[in-house]
Amino acid sequence: MERKTESPIPDPRSPIPDWDQMALVGRITRPHGLRGHVVVHPETDFVEERFGGGATFWTRSAAGDEQLTIVSSRVQNGRPIVGFEGFACVDDVERLAGLELRVPEETLQPLKPGTYYEHQLVGCGVETTDGDVVGEVAKVEGGGGASRLTVNGPRGEILIPLAVDICVEIDVANRRIRISPPDGLLELNEKGSGVITRPENRGKR
């Protein structure tokens, strides 16, 4: 499990990390109360560890990239309610609503072999074992037995089960996924049908 002690606070003098290379771990939804707290929609399996006191994140807005540090935190109904350093009232945090919270990839907890963070799969090219191009992964959906890849293909959106007998090779370093689809799967999913799958190869940050 990811531990807060393995996510050190970056030196404020260090260069700003590449936004596109960082992992999404949450989104600020709205202010909460009058004391500068906000509600966060988490994009992580490690909510309490990731959003504990002292944790740092990067956001991006029209004003540029900005680093935020949590000074107070609690979880309510599965969502963190946090206060950031330097934000003391509701007027201060209104501008944060809707912003993504990202962290450098090196602060993520390593996963066991055969599991992946979602951001590692998004953007991967998908092809069949015969070498036919299927498309590019746009997002990972589902969970708890229903994980699947949403792939943008030449003929539209395709849903591919994230199962070991279908996704036979996942090479995140080279941004490639090779699949062995059952007969009719690709044609079926191009019409928008869903498929229930096993979640072995899905991980969150």
C-alpha atoms as a PDB file:
ATOM      1  CA  MET A   1       0.000   0.000   0.000  1.00  0.00           C
ATOM      2  CA  GLU A   2       1.204   3.494  -0.749  1.00  0.00           C
ATOM      3  CA  ARG A   3       2.668   5.215   2.306  1.00  0.00           C
ATOM      4  CA  LYS A   4       2.845   8.935   2.921  1.00  0.00           C
ATOM      5  CA  THR A   5       6.458   8.645   4.057  1.00  0.00           C
ATOM      6  CA  GLU A   6       7.383   7.510   0.549  1.00  0.00           C
ATOM      7  CA  SER A   7       6.058  10.746  -0.973  1.00  0.00           C
ATOM      8  CA  PRO A   8       8.545  13.395   0.216  1.00  0.00           C
ATOM      9  CA  ILE A   9       7.687  17.078  -0.011  1.00  0.00           C
ATOM     10  CA  PRO A  10       9.547  18.461  -3.042  1.00  0.00           C
ATOM     11  CA  ASP A  11      12.091  21.209  -2.513  1.00  0.00           C
ATOM     12  CA  PRO A  12      10.300  24.444  -3.515  1.00  0.00           C
ATOM     13  CA  ARG A  13      13.508  25.506  -5.271  1.00  0.00           C
ATOM     14  CA  SER A  14      13.443  22.445  -7.529  1.00  0.00           C
ATOM     15  CA  PRO A  15      12.211  22.736 -11.145  1.00  0.00           C
ATOM     16  CA  ILE A  16       8.492  22.433 -11.796  1.00  0.00           C
ATOM     17  CA  PRO A  17       7.743  18.838 -12.898  1.00  0.00           C
ATOM     18  CA  ASP A  18       6.468  18.163 -16.408  1.00  0.00           C
ATOM     19  CA  TRP A  19       2.672  18.400 -16.105  1.00  0.00           C
ATOM     20  CA  ASP A  20       2.006  15.687 -18.678  1.00  0.00           C
ATOM     21  CA  GLN A  21       4.352  13.277 -16.888  1.00  0.00           C
ATOM     22  CA  MET A  22       2.608  13.620 -13.522  1.00  0.00           C
ATOM     23  CA  ALA A  23      -0.168  11.350 -12.256  1.00  0.00           C
ATOM     24  CA  LEU A  24      -3.694  12.571 -11.519  1.00  0.00           C
ATOM     25  CA  VAL A  25      -4.705  11.737  -7.934  1.00  0.00           C
ATOM     26  CA  GLY A  26      -7.730  13.992  -7.404  1.00  0.00           C
ATOM     27  CA  ARG A  27      -9.862  16.938  -8.480  1.00  0.00           C
ATOM     28  CA  ILE A  28     -10.960  19.868  -6.338  1.00  0.00           C
ATOM     29  CA  THR A  29     -14.733  20.052  -6.604  1.00  0.00           C
ATOM     30  CA  ARG A  30     -15.842  23.013  -4.451  1.00  0.00           C
ATOM     31  CA  PRO A  31     -15.189  25.049  -1.312  1.00  0.00           C
ATOM     32  CA  HIS A  32     -16.352  23.564   1.998  1.00  0.00           C
ATOM     33  CA  GLY A  33     -17.334  25.919   4.795  1.00  0.00           C
ATOM     34  CA  LEU A  34     -15.877  29.359   5.398  1.00  0.00           C
ATOM     35  CA  ARG A  35     -12.345  28.551   6.564  1.00  0.00           C
ATOM     36  CA  GLY A  36     -10.675  27.823   3.241  1.00  0.00           C
ATOM     37  CA  HIS A  37     -11.329  24.094   3.039  1.00  0.00           C
ATOM     38  CA  VAL A  38     -12.211  22.282  -0.200  1.00  0.00           C
ATOM     39  CA  VAL A  39     -13.807  18.977  -1.153  1.00  0.00           C
ATOM     40  CA  VAL A  40     -11.663  16.690  -3.307  1.00  0.00           C
ATOM     41  CA  HIS A  41     -12.885  13.939  -5.604  1.00  0.00           C
ATOM     42  CA  PRO A  42     -10.118  11.334  -5.211  1.00  0.00           C
ATOM     43  CA  GLU A  43      -8.611   9.450  -8.137  1.00  0.00           C
ATOM     44  CA  THR A  44      -6.665   7.053  -5.928  1.00  0.00           C
ATOM     45  CA  ASP A  45      -7.104   3.856  -3.959  1.00  0.00           C
ATOM     46  CA  PHE A  46      -5.019   5.343  -1.126  1.00  0.00           C
ATOM     47  CA  VAL A  47      -7.216   8.228  -0.035  1.00  0.00           C
ATOM     48  CA  GLU A  48      -6.167   8.692   3.595  1.00  0.00           C
ATOM     49  CA  GLU A  49      -2.468   8.184   2.856  1.00  0.00           C
ATOM     50  CA  ARG A  50      -2.369  10.390  -0.241  1.00  0.00           C
ATOM     51  CA  PHE A  51      -4.334  13.283   1.293  1.00  0.00           C
ATOM     52  CA  GLY A  52      -2.742  13.358   4.735  1.00  0.00           C
ATOM     53  CA  GLY A  53      -1.227  16.428   6.349  1.00  0.00           C
ATOM     54  CA  GLY A  54       1.951  17.623   4.656  1.00  0.00           C
ATOM     55  CA  ALA A  55       1.098  16.048   1.300  1.00  0.00           C
ATOM     56  CA  THR A  56       1.872  18.210  -1.727  1.00  0.00           C
ATOM     57  CA  PHE A  57       0.261  18.463  -5.154  1.00  0.00           C
ATOM     58  CA  TRP A  58       0.583  20.426  -8.368  1.00  0.00           C
ATOM     59  CA  THR A  59      -2.306  22.231 -10.055  1.00  0.00           C
ATOM     60  CA  ARG A  60      -2.559  24.009 -13.372  1.00  0.00           C
ATOM     61  CA  SER A  61      -4.771  26.996 -14.151  1.00  0.00           C
ATOM     62  CA  ALA A  62      -4.735  30.084 -16.356  1.00  0.00           C
ATOM     63  CA  ALA A  63      -2.310  31.577 -13.831  1.00  0.00           C
ATOM     64  CA  GLY A  64       0.196  28.748 -14.392  1.00  0.00           C
ATOM     65  CA  ASP A  65       1.410  25.762 -12.375  1.00  0.00           C
ATOM     66  CA  GLU A  66       1.147  25.982  -8.596  1.00  0.00           C
ATOM     67  CA  GLN A  67       2.182  23.707  -5.743  1.00  0.00           C
ATOM     68  CA  LEU A  68      -0.269  23.153  -2.865  1.00  0.00           C
ATOM     69  CA  THR A  69       0.495  21.684   0.560  1.00  0.00           C
ATOM     70  CA  ILE A  70      -2.157  20.176   2.850  1.00  0.00           C
ATOM     71  CA  VAL A  71      -2.227  21.548   6.400  1.00  0.00           C
ATOM     72  CA  SER A  72      -5.475  19.917   7.553  1.00  0.00           C
ATOM     73  CA  SER A  73      -7.403  16.926   6.304  1.00  0.00           C
ATOM     74  CA  ARG A  74     -10.284  14.615   7.071  1.00  0.00           C
ATOM     75  CA  VAL A  75     -12.284  12.121   5.013  1.00  0.00           C
ATOM     76  CA  GLN A  76     -16.050  12.460   4.840  1.00  0.00           C
ATOM     77  CA  ASN A  77     -18.192  10.005   2.860  1.00  0.00           C
ATOM     78  CA  GLY A  78     -15.107   8.795   1.024  1.00  0.00           C
ATOM     79  CA  ARG A  79     -13.988  12.256  -0.057  1.00  0.00           C
ATOM     80  CA  PRO A  80     -11.145  14.265   1.481  1.00  0.00           C
ATOM     81  CA  ILE A  81     -11.945  17.677   2.903  1.00  0.00           C
ATOM     82  CA  VAL A  82      -8.650  19.509   3.039  1.00  0.00           C
ATOM     83  CA  GLY A  83      -7.139  22.857   3.861  1.00  0.00           C
ATOM     84  CA  PHE A  84      -4.098  24.130   1.953  1.00  0.00           C
ATOM     85  CA  GLU A  85      -1.278  26.254   3.257  1.00  0.00           C
ATOM     86  CA  GLY A  86      -1.919  29.933   2.518  1.00  0.00           C
ATOM     87  CA  PHE A  87      -5.681  29.551   1.951  1.00  0.00           C
ATOM     88  CA  ALA A  88      -7.584  30.851   4.956  1.00  0.00           C
ATOM     89  CA  CYS A  89     -11.114  31.595   3.756  1.00  0.00           C
ATOM     90  CA  VAL A  90     -13.697  30.644   1.170  1.00  0.00           C
ATOM     91  CA  ASP A  91     -12.746  33.591  -1.046  1.00  0.00           C
ATOM     92  CA  ASP A  92      -9.191  32.259  -1.267  1.00  0.00           C
ATOM     93  CA  VAL A  93     -10.190  28.791  -2.489  1.00  0.00           C
ATOM     94  CA  GLU A  94     -12.991  29.628  -4.913  1.00  0.00           C
ATOM     95  CA  ARG A  95     -10.466  29.845  -7.750  1.00  0.00           C
ATOM     96  CA  LEU A  96      -9.324  26.266  -7.062  1.00  0.00           C
ATOM     97  CA  ALA A  97     -12.678  24.646  -7.905  1.00  0.00           C
ATOM     98  CA  GLY A  98     -12.354  22.253 -10.825  1.00  0.00           C
ATOM     99  CA  LEU A  99      -8.548  22.037 -10.773  1.00  0.00           C
ATOM    100  CA  GLU A 100      -6.726  18.720 -11.027  1.00  0.00           C
ATOM    101  CA  LEU A 101      -4.309  17.588  -8.333  1.00  0.00           C
ATOM    102  CA  ARG A 102      -1.250  15.804  -9.726  1.00  0.00           C
ATOM    103  CA  VAL A 103       1.924  14.316  -8.253  1.00  0.00           C
ATOM    104  CA  PRO A 104       5.259  13.319  -9.811  1.00  0.00           C
ATOM    105  CA  GLU A 105       5.252   9.691 -10.887  1.00  0.00           C
ATOM    106  CA  GLU A 106       8.288   8.871  -8.739  1.00  0.00           C
ATOM    107  CA  THR A 107       6.199   9.511  -5.586  1.00  0.00           C
ATOM    108  CA  LEU A 108       3.775   6.699  -6.451  1.00  0.00           C
ATOM    109  CA  GLN A 109       3.933   3.426  -4.580  1.00  0.00           C
ATOM    110  CA  PRO A 110       5.389   0.645  -6.789  1.00  0.00           C
ATOM    111  CA  LEU A 111       2.842  -1.993  -7.770  1.00  0.00           C
ATOM    112  CA  LYS A 112       3.286  -5.733  -7.892  1.00  0.00           C
ATOM    113  CA  PRO A 113       4.030  -7.296 -11.300  1.00  0.00           C
ATOM    114  CA  GLY A 114       1.016  -7.480 -13.588  1.00  0.00           C
ATOM    115  CA  THR A 115      -0.723  -4.411 -12.170  1.00  0.00           C
ATOM    116  CA  TYR A 116      -0.617  -0.869 -13.513  1.00  0.00           C
ATOM    117  CA  TYR A 117      -1.606   2.654 -12.680  1.00  0.00           C
ATOM    118  CA  GLU A 118      -4.361   3.965 -14.922  1.00  0.00           C
ATOM    119  CA  HIS A 119      -2.250   6.835 -16.243  1.00  0.00           C
ATOM    120  CA  GLN A 120       0.287   4.270 -17.487  1.00  0.00           C
ATOM    121  CA  LEU A 121      -2.345   2.688 -19.727  1.00  0.00           C
ATOM    122  CA  VAL A 122      -3.947   5.871 -21.047  1.00  0.00           C
ATOM    123  CA  GLY A 123      -2.281   6.829 -24.328  1.00  0.00           C
ATOM    124  CA  CYS A 124      -0.995   3.337 -25.079  1.00  0.00           C
ATOM    125  CA  GLY A 125      -1.461   2.105 -28.613  1.00  0.00           C
ATOM    126  CA  VAL A 126      -3.515  -1.071 -28.933  1.00  0.00           C
ATOM    127  CA  GLU A 127      -2.969  -3.709 -31.611  1.00  0.00           C
ATOM    128  CA  THR A 128      -3.968  -7.321 -32.074  1.00  0.00           C
ATOM    129  CA  THR A 129      -1.511 -10.193 -31.892  1.00  0.00           C
ATOM    130  CA  ASP A 130      -1.770 -10.283 -35.704  1.00  0.00           C
ATOM    131  CA  GLY A 131      -0.461  -6.707 -35.895  1.00  0.00           C
ATOM    132  CA  ASP A 132      -3.755  -4.979 -36.738  1.00  0.00           C
ATOM    133  CA  VAL A 133      -4.046  -1.483 -35.242  1.00  0.00           C
ATOM    134  CA  VAL A 134      -7.043  -1.126 -32.922  1.00  0.00           C
ATOM    135  CA  GLY A 135      -6.549   2.412 -31.594  1.00  0.00           C
ATOM    136  CA  GLU A 136      -5.314   4.320 -28.545  1.00  0.00           C
ATOM    137  CA  VAL A 137      -6.444   3.986 -24.922  1.00  0.00           C
ATOM    138  CA  ALA A 138      -8.464   7.052 -23.919  1.00  0.00           C
ATOM    139  CA  LYS A 139      -9.375   5.978 -20.387  1.00  0.00           C
ATOM    140  CA  VAL A 140      -9.812   3.050 -18.009  1.00  0.00           C
ATOM    141  CA  GLU A 141     -13.321   2.409 -16.736  1.00  0.00           C
ATOM    142  CA  GLY A 142     -15.005   0.249 -14.153  1.00  0.00           C
ATOM    143  CA  GLY A 143     -13.637  -1.662 -11.218  1.00  0.00           C
ATOM    144  CA  GLY A 144     -14.546  -4.445  -8.838  1.00  0.00           C
ATOM    145  CA  GLY A 145     -14.795  -7.023 -11.614  1.00  0.00           C
ATOM    146  CA  ALA A 146     -15.707  -4.723 -14.512  1.00  0.00           C
ATOM    147  CA  SER A 147     -12.461  -3.064 -15.616  1.00  0.00           C
ATOM    148  CA  ARG A 148     -12.103  -2.219 -19.291  1.00  0.00           C
ATOM    149  CA  LEU A 149     -10.154  -0.039 -21.658  1.00  0.00           C
ATOM    150  CA  THR A 150     -11.928   2.625 -23.676  1.00  0.00           C
ATOM    151  CA  VAL A 151     -10.040   2.782 -26.973  1.00  0.00           C
ATOM    152  CA  ASN A 152     -10.447   5.417 -29.667  1.00  0.00           C
ATOM    153  CA  GLY A 153     -10.249   3.532 -32.953  1.00  0.00           C
ATOM    154  CA  PRO A 154     -10.554   4.471 -36.629  1.00  0.00           C
ATOM    155  CA  ARG A 155     -14.221   3.488 -36.571  1.00  0.00           C
ATOM    156  CA  GLY A 156     -15.113   4.962 -33.196  1.00  0.00           C
ATOM    157  CA  GLU A 157     -14.977   3.996 -29.535  1.00  0.00           C
ATOM    158  CA  ILE A 158     -14.118   0.408 -28.645  1.00  0.00           C
ATOM    159  CA  LEU A 159     -14.442  -1.194 -25.203  1.00  0.00           C
ATOM    160  CA  ILE A 160     -11.890  -3.882 -24.422  1.00  0.00           C
ATOM    161  CA  PRO A 161     -11.940  -6.022 -21.270  1.00  0.00           C
ATOM    162  CA  LEU A 162      -8.854  -5.563 -19.131  1.00  0.00           C
ATOM    163  CA  ALA A 163      -8.445  -9.313 -18.683  1.00  0.00           C
ATOM    164  CA  VAL A 164      -5.282 -11.381 -18.846  1.00  0.00           C
ATOM    165  CA  ASP A 165      -6.605 -13.698 -21.571  1.00  0.00           C
ATOM    166  CA  ILE A 166      -7.462 -10.723 -23.831  1.00  0.00           C
ATOM    167  CA  CYS A 167      -4.788  -8.138 -22.993  1.00  0.00           C
ATOM    168  CA  VAL A 168      -1.971 -10.619 -23.465  1.00  0.00           C
ATOM    169  CA  GLU A 169       0.889  -8.091 -23.427  1.00  0.00           C
ATOM    170  CA  ILE A 170       1.038  -4.718 -21.686  1.00  0.00           C
ATOM    171  CA  ASP A 171       4.277  -2.829 -22.323  1.00  0.00           C
ATOM    172  CA  VAL A 172       3.949   0.535 -20.577  1.00  0.00           C
ATOM    173  CA  ALA A 173       7.565   1.467 -21.285  1.00  0.00           C
ATOM    174  CA  ASN A 174       6.938   1.314 -25.034  1.00  0.00           C
ATOM    175  CA  ARG A 175       3.304   2.489 -24.725  1.00  0.00           C
ATOM    176  CA  ARG A 176       1.869  -0.648 -26.361  1.00  0.00           C
ATOM    177  CA  ILE A 177      -0.851  -3.164 -25.530  1.00  0.00           C
ATOM    178  CA  ARG A 178      -1.327  -6.324 -27.589  1.00  0.00           C
ATOM    179  CA  ILE A 179      -4.703  -8.051 -27.437  1.00  0.00           C
ATOM    180  CA  SER A 180      -6.126 -11.392 -28.487  1.00  0.00           C
ATOM    181  CA  PRO A 181      -9.821 -10.540 -28.878  1.00  0.00           C
ATOM    182  CA  PRO A 182     -12.494 -13.259 -29.049  1.00  0.00           C
ATOM    183  CA  ASP A 183     -14.349 -13.462 -32.351  1.00  0.00           C
ATOM    184  CA  GLY A 184     -16.709 -10.510 -32.774  1.00  0.00           C
ATOM    185  CA  LEU A 185     -15.511  -8.561 -29.717  1.00  0.00           C
ATOM    186  CA  LEU A 186     -14.163  -5.551 -31.599  1.00  0.00           C
ATOM    187  CA  GLU A 187     -17.199  -5.304 -33.867  1.00  0.00           C
ATOM    188  CA  LEU A 188     -19.544  -5.629 -30.891  1.00  0.00           C
ATOM    189  CA  ASN A 189     -17.826  -2.918 -28.890  1.00  0.00           C
ATOM    190  CA  GLU A 190     -17.731  -0.495 -31.809  1.00  0.00           C
ATOM    191  CA  LYS A 191     -21.504  -0.379 -31.352  1.00  0.00           C
ATOM    192  CA  GLY A 192     -21.023   0.667 -27.709  1.00  0.00           C
ATOM    193  CA  SER A 193     -21.772  -2.537 -25.813  1.00  0.00           C
ATOM    194  CA  GLY A 194     -20.126  -3.096 -22.442  1.00  0.00           C
ATOM    195  CA  VAL A 195     -18.330  -6.198 -21.258  1.00  0.00           C
ATOM    196  CA  ILE A 196     -17.835  -7.359 -17.668  1.00  0.00           C
ATOM    197  CA  THR A 197     -14.216  -8.216 -16.994  1.00  0.00           C
ATOM    198  CA  ARG A 198     -11.736  -9.202 -14.335  1.00  0.00           C
ATOM    199  CA  PRO A 199      -9.685  -6.432 -12.646  1.00  0.00           C
ATOM    200  CA  GLU A 200      -6.288  -8.138 -12.370  1.00  0.00           C
ATOM    201  CA  ASN A 201      -4.399  -5.540 -14.370  1.00  0.00           C
ATOM    202  CA  ARG A 202      -5.827  -2.357 -12.992  1.00  0.00           C
ATOM    203  CA  GLY A 203      -4.227  -0.245 -10.321  1.00  0.00           C
ATOM    204  CA  LYS A 204      -4.685   3.226  -8.971  1.00  0.00           C
ATOM    205  CA  ARG A 205      -2.259   5.697  -7.684  1.00  0.00           C
END
